[in-house]
Protein backbone atom coordinates (compact mmCIF):
# COMPACT_ATOMS: atom_id res chain seq x y z
CA MET A 1 19.79 -6.22 -28.31
CA ALA A 2 22.09 -8.98 -27.34
CA GLY A 3 24.55 -8.05 -30.26
CA CYS A 4 25.06 -4.39 -28.90
CA CYS A 5 25.93 -5.32 -25.32
CA PRO A 6 28.93 -7.14 -23.81
CA GLY A 7 28.60 -10.68 -22.41
CA ASP A 8 30.23 -9.78 -19.17
CA VAL A 9 30.79 -6.17 -18.18
CA SER A 10 31.39 -6.65 -14.66
CA ALA A 11 35.15 -5.39 -15.01
CA ALA A 12 33.43 -2.02 -16.16
CA THR A 13 31.43 -1.74 -12.94
CA GLY A 14 34.16 -1.94 -10.76
CA GLY A 15 33.68 -5.58 -9.89
CA LYS A 16 29.92 -4.81 -8.95
CA ARG A 17 27.11 -7.27 -9.93
CA VAL A 18 25.87 -6.55 -13.37
CA GLN A 19 22.24 -5.18 -13.52
CA PHE A 20 19.50 -6.99 -15.48
CA GLY A 21 19.28 -6.09 -18.99
CA ASN A 22 23.11 -6.39 -19.25
CA ARG A 23 23.45 -9.98 -18.26
CA PHE A 24 24.14 -12.33 -21.25
CA LEU A 25 25.24 -15.74 -21.02
CA ASN A 26 27.99 -16.20 -23.89
CA ASP A 27 30.18 -18.91 -22.05
CA PRO A 28 27.97 -21.80 -20.72
CA ALA A 29 30.93 -22.32 -18.14
CA ARG A 30 29.97 -19.17 -16.30
CA VAL A 31 26.20 -20.21 -15.83
CA PHE A 32 26.41 -19.85 -11.87
CA HIS A 33 28.10 -16.53 -12.13
CA HIS A 34 24.73 -14.87 -11.82
CA ASN A 35 21.50 -16.16 -10.43
CA ALA A 36 19.70 -15.02 -13.62
CA TRP A 37 20.43 -14.29 -17.00
CA ASP A 38 18.87 -12.19 -19.84
CA ASN A 39 17.36 -13.53 -23.07
CA VAL A 40 18.25 -17.12 -22.53
CA GLU A 41 15.88 -19.73 -24.38
CA TRP A 42 15.27 -22.93 -22.82
CA SER A 43 16.20 -25.92 -24.56
CA LYS A 44 13.29 -28.42 -25.26
CA GLU A 45 14.79 -30.66 -22.78
CA GLN A 46 14.88 -28.03 -19.93
CA GLU A 47 11.11 -27.19 -20.57
CA ALA A 48 10.28 -30.80 -20.57
CA ALA A 49 12.07 -31.35 -17.34
CA ALA A 50 10.21 -28.16 -15.80
CA ALA A 51 6.94 -29.43 -17.23
CA LYS A 52 7.41 -32.80 -15.64
CA ARG A 53 8.22 -31.35 -12.27
CA VAL A 54 5.03 -29.11 -12.42
CA ARG A 55 3.11 -32.34 -13.28
CA GLU A 56 4.45 -34.03 -10.24
CA ASN A 57 4.27 -31.45 -7.68
CA SER A 58 0.48 -30.88 -8.94
CA ALA A 59 -0.45 -34.58 -8.78
CA GLN A 60 -1.87 -34.39 -5.40
CA ARG A 61 -4.44 -31.44 -4.64
CA VAL A 62 -4.90 -29.58 -1.45
CA PRO A 63 -8.43 -30.89 -0.27
CA PRO A 64 -11.46 -28.78 -1.07
CA GLU A 65 -12.47 -27.92 2.65
CA LYS A 66 -8.83 -26.63 3.13
CA GLN A 67 -9.10 -24.64 -0.18
CA VAL A 68 -12.01 -22.81 1.42
CA GLU A 69 -10.11 -22.13 4.44
CA PHE A 70 -7.23 -20.43 2.61
CA GLU A 71 -9.93 -18.49 0.57
CA VAL A 72 -11.78 -17.31 3.55
CA ASN A 73 -8.74 -16.36 5.77
CA ALA A 74 -6.61 -14.99 3.00
CA HIS A 75 -6.45 -11.50 4.87
CA GLU A 76 -5.29 -13.14 8.01
CA TYR A 77 -2.77 -14.99 6.43
CA TRP A 78 -1.31 -11.70 4.99
CA ASN A 79 -1.81 -9.87 8.21
CA ASN A 80 0.35 -12.52 9.93
CA PHE A 81 2.91 -12.23 7.28
CA TYR A 82 3.48 -8.56 7.74
CA LYS A 83 3.06 -8.85 11.35
CA ILE A 84 6.06 -11.14 11.32
CA HIS A 85 8.07 -9.33 8.79
CA GLU A 86 6.77 -5.79 9.25
CA ASN A 87 8.73 -3.49 6.61
CA GLY A 88 12.03 -5.61 6.60
CA PHE A 89 11.21 -8.39 4.04
CA PHE A 90 10.97 -6.56 0.92
CA LYS A 91 13.52 -3.92 -0.72
CA ASP A 92 12.08 -0.79 -2.20
CA ARG A 93 11.50 -1.83 -6.04
CA HIS A 94 13.68 1.01 -7.61
CA TRP A 95 13.84 -1.47 -10.54
CA LEU A 96 10.27 -0.62 -11.30
CA PHE A 97 11.55 2.70 -13.09
CA THR A 98 13.46 0.40 -15.74
CA GLU A 99 10.47 -1.95 -16.07
CA PHE A 100 7.92 1.26 -16.20
CA PRO A 101 9.20 4.33 -17.20
CA GLU A 102 5.88 5.84 -17.38
CA LEU A 103 6.10 6.36 -13.67
CA ILE A 104 8.71 9.24 -13.75
CA PRO A 105 8.87 12.21 -15.75
CA HIS A 106 11.72 12.01 -18.23
CA GLN A 107 13.33 15.19 -16.64
CA ASN A 108 13.79 13.27 -13.42
CA GLN A 109 15.97 10.75 -14.80
CA SER A 110 18.98 12.53 -13.24
CA ASP A 111 17.60 12.96 -10.07
CA LEU A 112 16.71 9.20 -9.93
CA LYS A 113 20.35 8.26 -10.56
CA THR A 114 21.43 10.60 -7.67
CA LEU A 115 19.09 9.09 -5.50
CA LEU A 116 19.92 5.54 -6.12
CA LEU A 117 23.44 6.00 -6.07
CA LYS A 118 23.26 6.88 -2.43
CA ASP A 119 22.00 3.29 -1.65
CA ASN A 120 24.58 0.47 -2.04
CA ASP A 121 21.92 -2.08 -2.79
CA TYR A 122 21.57 -0.65 -6.29
CA GLU A 123 23.93 -0.23 -9.30
CA ILE A 124 23.46 2.12 -12.57
CA ILE A 125 24.73 1.73 -15.87
CA GLU A 126 24.06 4.36 -18.50
CA ASN A 127 22.82 2.02 -21.55
CA THR A 128 24.41 4.06 -24.34
CA GLY A 129 25.11 0.87 -26.43
CA CYS A 130 21.74 -0.19 -27.38
CA GLY A 131 19.76 2.04 -29.41
CA ASP A 132 16.18 0.62 -28.41
CA GLY A 133 17.04 0.62 -24.56
CA PRO A 134 16.08 2.92 -21.86
CA GLY A 135 18.50 5.79 -21.30
CA LEU A 136 18.77 4.49 -17.36
CA ILE A 137 18.98 0.96 -16.33
CA VAL A 138 18.40 0.58 -12.44
CA SER A 139 18.95 -3.02 -10.93
CA ASN A 140 17.84 -4.06 -7.31
CA ILE A 141 20.70 -6.40 -6.31
CA GLN A 142 18.66 -7.85 -3.48
CA GLU A 143 15.35 -8.33 -5.10
CA GLN A 144 15.45 -10.26 -8.25
CA HIS A 145 12.39 -12.26 -9.72
CA ARG A 146 11.86 -14.37 -12.84
CA ALA A 147 8.52 -13.10 -13.79
CA SER A 148 6.32 -11.72 -16.64
CA SER A 149 5.95 -8.06 -17.11
CA HIS A 150 3.65 -6.12 -19.30
CA SER A 151 2.43 -2.47 -19.96
CA LEU A 152 -1.00 -2.75 -21.13
CA ASP A 153 -1.85 0.31 -23.00
CA HIS A 154 -5.69 1.23 -23.03
CA GLU A 155 -4.90 3.71 -25.95
CA LYS A 156 -3.18 1.21 -27.91
CA GLN A 157 -6.25 -0.93 -27.70
CA LYS A 158 -8.27 1.81 -29.28
CA TYR A 159 -11.23 0.98 -26.88
CA LEU A 160 -12.27 4.07 -25.20
CA MET A 161 -15.18 4.29 -22.61
CA ASP A 162 -18.21 6.17 -24.04
CA GLU A 163 -20.89 7.97 -21.99
CA ALA A 164 -22.86 4.95 -21.67
CA THR A 165 -20.20 2.78 -20.60
CA GLN A 166 -19.31 5.16 -17.82
CA LYS A 167 -22.67 4.69 -16.12
CA LEU A 168 -21.67 1.14 -15.30
CA CYS A 169 -19.03 2.07 -12.71
CA HIS A 170 -19.55 3.53 -9.20
CA PRO A 171 -21.69 6.45 -9.73
CA ASP A 172 -21.97 7.37 -5.98
CA ILE A 173 -18.35 8.74 -5.71
CA ASN A 174 -18.31 12.32 -5.26
CA THR A 175 -16.24 13.48 -8.20
CA ASP A 176 -15.79 16.89 -6.57
CA ASP A 177 -14.39 15.70 -3.15
CA PHE A 178 -12.26 12.76 -2.85
CA PRO A 179 -8.60 12.33 -1.85
CA GLY A 180 -6.58 13.84 -4.57
CA SER A 181 -9.18 15.51 -6.23
CA SER A 182 -7.05 18.47 -7.30
CA ALA A 183 -4.22 16.27 -8.68
CA THR A 184 -3.58 16.19 -12.37
CA TYR A 185 -1.85 12.78 -12.50
CA ARG A 186 -2.97 10.01 -10.45
CA ILE A 187 -1.49 6.52 -9.71
CA LEU A 188 -3.05 3.54 -7.97
CA GLU A 189 -1.21 0.53 -6.70
CA VAL A 190 -3.44 -2.43 -5.49
CA GLY A 191 -1.75 -4.85 -3.22
CA CYS A 192 0.73 -2.17 -2.25
CA GLY A 193 2.12 -4.10 1.11
CA VAL A 194 4.23 -1.85 2.97
CA GLY A 195 4.87 0.52 0.29
CA ASN A 196 8.01 -0.70 -1.58
CA THR A 197 6.62 0.64 -4.82
CA VAL A 198 4.79 3.81 -3.53
CA PHE A 199 7.66 5.27 -1.49
CA PRO A 200 10.40 5.18 -4.46
CA ILE A 201 7.56 6.66 -6.76
CA LEU A 202 6.90 9.60 -4.21
CA HIS A 203 10.68 9.97 -3.63
CA THR A 204 11.63 10.24 -7.54
CA ASN A 205 8.59 11.77 -9.05
CA ASN A 206 8.27 15.31 -7.83
CA ASP A 207 5.64 16.34 -10.24
CA PRO A 208 3.39 18.80 -8.08
CA GLY A 209 0.31 17.43 -9.62
CA LEU A 210 0.91 13.74 -8.69
CA PHE A 211 -1.12 11.89 -6.25
CA VAL A 212 -0.86 8.34 -5.42
CA TYR A 213 -3.16 5.71 -3.93
CA CYS A 214 -2.25 2.44 -2.49
CA CYS A 215 -4.43 -0.36 -1.13
CA ASP A 216 -4.00 -3.64 0.38
CA PHE A 217 -6.56 -6.02 1.86
CA SER A 218 -4.01 -6.63 4.83
CA THR A 219 -4.83 -4.18 7.51
CA THR A 220 -1.38 -4.58 9.20
CA ALA A 221 0.20 -3.60 5.79
CA ILE A 222 -1.69 -0.41 5.44
CA GLU A 223 -1.07 0.54 9.08
CA LEU A 224 2.70 0.14 8.17
CA VAL A 225 2.39 2.39 5.13
CA GLN A 226 0.52 5.10 7.02
CA THR A 227 2.94 5.11 10.08
CA ASN A 228 6.00 5.02 7.93
CA SER A 229 7.91 8.52 8.29
CA GLU A 230 7.67 9.14 4.49
CA TYR A 231 3.85 8.89 4.21
CA ASP A 232 2.38 12.12 3.27
CA PRO A 233 -1.20 12.57 3.10
CA SER A 234 -0.98 15.62 0.72
CA ARG A 235 0.39 13.16 -1.76
CA CYS A 236 -0.58 9.85 -0.87
CA PHE A 237 -3.82 7.80 0.48
CA ALA A 238 -3.42 4.50 1.77
CA PHE A 239 -6.61 2.17 2.32
CA VAL A 240 -7.74 -1.17 2.91
CA HIS A 241 -9.55 -2.81 0.04
CA ASP A 242 -9.98 -6.52 -1.30
CA LEU A 243 -9.98 -6.32 -5.01
CA CYS A 244 -12.03 -9.39 -5.12
CA ASP A 245 -14.79 -7.63 -3.14
CA GLU A 246 -17.43 -6.81 -5.73
CA ASP A 247 -19.69 -5.10 -3.26
CA LYS A 248 -17.20 -2.57 -2.06
CA ASP A 249 -16.45 0.38 -4.19
CA TYR A 250 -12.95 2.02 -4.53
CA PRO A 251 -12.73 5.68 -2.90
CA ILE A 252 -12.06 6.87 -6.32
CA PRO A 253 -14.31 8.10 -9.10
CA ARG A 254 -14.47 6.44 -12.43
CA GLU A 255 -12.19 7.44 -15.22
CA SER A 256 -9.79 9.39 -12.73
CA LEU A 257 -6.74 7.19 -13.00
CA ASP A 258 -3.65 7.46 -15.42
CA ILE A 259 -2.05 4.45 -14.18
CA ILE A 260 -2.89 1.19 -12.14
CA ILE A 261 -0.01 -0.84 -10.74
CA LEU A 262 -0.34 -4.51 -10.10
CA ILE A 263 2.89 -5.83 -8.87
CA PHE A 264 2.80 -9.68 -7.54
CA VAL A 265 -0.75 -9.08 -6.59
CA LEU A 266 -2.96 -10.76 -9.14
CA SER A 267 -1.07 -14.12 -8.31
CA SER A 268 -2.16 -14.03 -5.05
CA ILE A 269 -5.90 -14.41 -5.75
CA VAL A 270 -8.08 -17.25 -6.93
CA PRO A 271 -7.57 -17.39 -10.74
CA ASP A 272 -11.47 -17.52 -11.19
CA LYS A 273 -11.75 -14.07 -9.53
CA MET A 274 -9.01 -12.39 -11.59
CA GLN A 275 -11.06 -11.24 -14.69
CA ASN A 276 -13.64 -9.52 -12.44
CA ALA A 277 -11.01 -7.68 -10.54
CA ILE A 278 -9.38 -6.58 -13.72
CA ASN A 279 -12.77 -5.38 -15.25
CA ARG A 280 -13.80 -3.58 -12.04
CA LEU A 281 -10.35 -1.62 -11.81
CA SER A 282 -10.49 -0.78 -15.64
CA TYR A 283 -13.35 1.65 -15.21
CA LEU A 284 -11.32 3.71 -12.95
CA LEU A 285 -8.97 4.32 -15.66
CA LYS A 286 -9.11 7.48 -17.95
CA PRO A 287 -8.94 6.97 -21.76
CA GLY A 288 -5.53 6.17 -22.54
CA GLY A 289 -4.77 4.96 -19.13
CA MET A 290 -2.61 2.08 -18.25
CA PHE A 291 -2.22 -1.15 -16.32
CA LEU A 292 1.41 -1.76 -15.17
CA LEU A 293 1.78 -5.58 -14.37
CA ARG A 294 4.57 -7.58 -13.08
CA ASP A 295 4.00 -11.17 -11.63
CA TYR A 296 5.31 -14.53 -11.48
CA GLY A 297 5.88 -16.50 -14.76
CA ARG A 298 5.22 -20.04 -15.53
CA TYR A 299 8.17 -22.54 -14.72
CA ASP A 300 9.43 -19.74 -12.13
CA MET A 301 12.02 -21.72 -9.80
CA ALA A 302 9.53 -20.85 -6.90
CA GLN A 303 6.89 -23.06 -8.73
CA LEU A 304 9.36 -25.95 -9.33
CA ARG A 305 10.39 -25.91 -5.82
CA PHE A 306 6.77 -26.51 -4.40
CA LYS A 307 6.61 -29.91 -2.79
CA THR A 308 3.53 -32.34 -3.58
CA GLY A 309 0.50 -31.43 -1.62
CA ARG A 310 0.67 -27.55 -1.88
CA CYS A 311 -1.18 -27.40 -5.24
CA LEU A 312 -4.58 -25.79 -5.30
CA SER A 313 -5.47 -25.90 -8.81
CA GLU A 314 -3.57 -25.67 -12.01
CA ASN A 315 -0.43 -23.56 -11.52
CA PHE A 316 -2.20 -22.25 -8.39
CA TYR A 317 -0.30 -23.11 -4.84
CA VAL A 318 -0.33 -22.31 -1.37
CA ARG A 319 2.87 -21.67 0.48
CA GLY A 320 3.68 -22.79 4.06
CA ASP A 321 2.58 -19.50 5.53
CA GLY A 322 -1.04 -19.97 3.88
CA THR A 323 -0.48 -17.31 1.26
CA ARG A 324 -1.15 -18.40 -2.19
CA VAL A 325 0.53 -17.99 -5.69
CA TYR A 326 -0.57 -18.36 -9.43
CA PHE A 327 2.17 -18.68 -12.08
CA PHE A 328 1.40 -16.82 -15.39
CA THR A 329 2.29 -17.13 -19.17
CA GLN A 330 2.42 -14.44 -21.57
CA GLY A 331 -1.19 -15.14 -22.16
CA VAL A 332 -2.25 -13.07 -19.09
CA LYS A 333 -2.67 -9.96 -21.66
CA ALA A 334 -5.70 -11.94 -22.86
CA SER A 335 -7.41 -11.01 -19.75
CA PHE A 336 -7.11 -7.26 -20.31
CA GLU A 337 -8.10 -7.72 -23.81
CA LYS A 338 -11.23 -9.90 -22.62
CA ASN A 339 -11.90 -6.73 -20.64
CA GLU A 340 -11.93 -4.36 -23.13
CA GLU A 341 -14.43 -6.56 -25.16
CA GLU A 342 -16.78 -6.93 -22.35
CA LYS A 343 -16.94 -3.18 -21.83
CA ARG A 344 -17.85 -2.64 -25.38
CA ARG A 345 -20.71 -5.12 -25.13
CA ASP A 346 -21.81 -3.64 -21.99
CA SER A 347 -21.93 -0.05 -23.61
CA ALA A 348 -23.76 -1.42 -26.59
CA SER A 349 -26.17 -3.08 -24.47
CA LEU A 350 -27.00 0.16 -22.45
CA GLN A 351 -27.21 2.02 -25.50
CA ALA A 352 -29.83 -0.38 -26.93
CA THR A 353 -31.94 0.18 -24.00
CA GLN A 354 -31.99 3.88 -23.84
């Protein structure tokens, strides 16, 4: 892909910053021209230096009693975060349509372009030079993360739930009377914050059959979503939920969702609880449904900047405001594949007892 795109196309964009997907470092002398570059391979020396820094800032762990406090009061730390920043901390994530084109119908791409051109924080380049690239690339100039992104497609895994497996998940939800029950395409975002993903989706995807669910375990965040002038209860349902709470069901029937979005949310929970959270969510997906995941990557600068004494466990840290963050490798996909294996075993077990 690098061979079919110019190394520096800032002149072609009228002096604007070049969006992700078109930033290629061909001249080492220009390394500080952008704060991030595409398709840059670390040298062995760079990776060794990053690993050394992580070993140093992980040497002293947070005491166990403090770790319990951060876990028990996690919702309060996030409530405080949103009380302080309200809806001014994050920009709407219009880059998500580039990362995850599944969120917008193909015929709406021209509408998306028109929408984003109204906002000076976004720049658009038609990607006609690379045959395997998307037709429309969108970049958020203000919000840029070095992170891992995966579209994990259940259909590609070929593990579809059968009748026995379906009995494992939330049988008490009334499948005829729930928010969005008449919708033909349903999306759930877990860890929605103040709606920086949800509102761009509602803005851009005008499918009359679309219904978007969003949840967060911060009551303050959900209140900010529900009081936003763009919140439309006929197209969206926001609710408070802790994805680690195994005793509380989602207000959505099994096999009812087409897409589940997890953006910078798995990284905020204890690593030992991630697998169960993924397992419970997976039962809400229709056969062929997808998880869309974007999160922090190992050796992110945010990880390297942590000071000694902020490490909770391997690659898991607590920030100064009490919120926590884990840094993934590409191996995170194995957690979703493991979930499919467990579902198959559960299905076989139920069938054997019938």
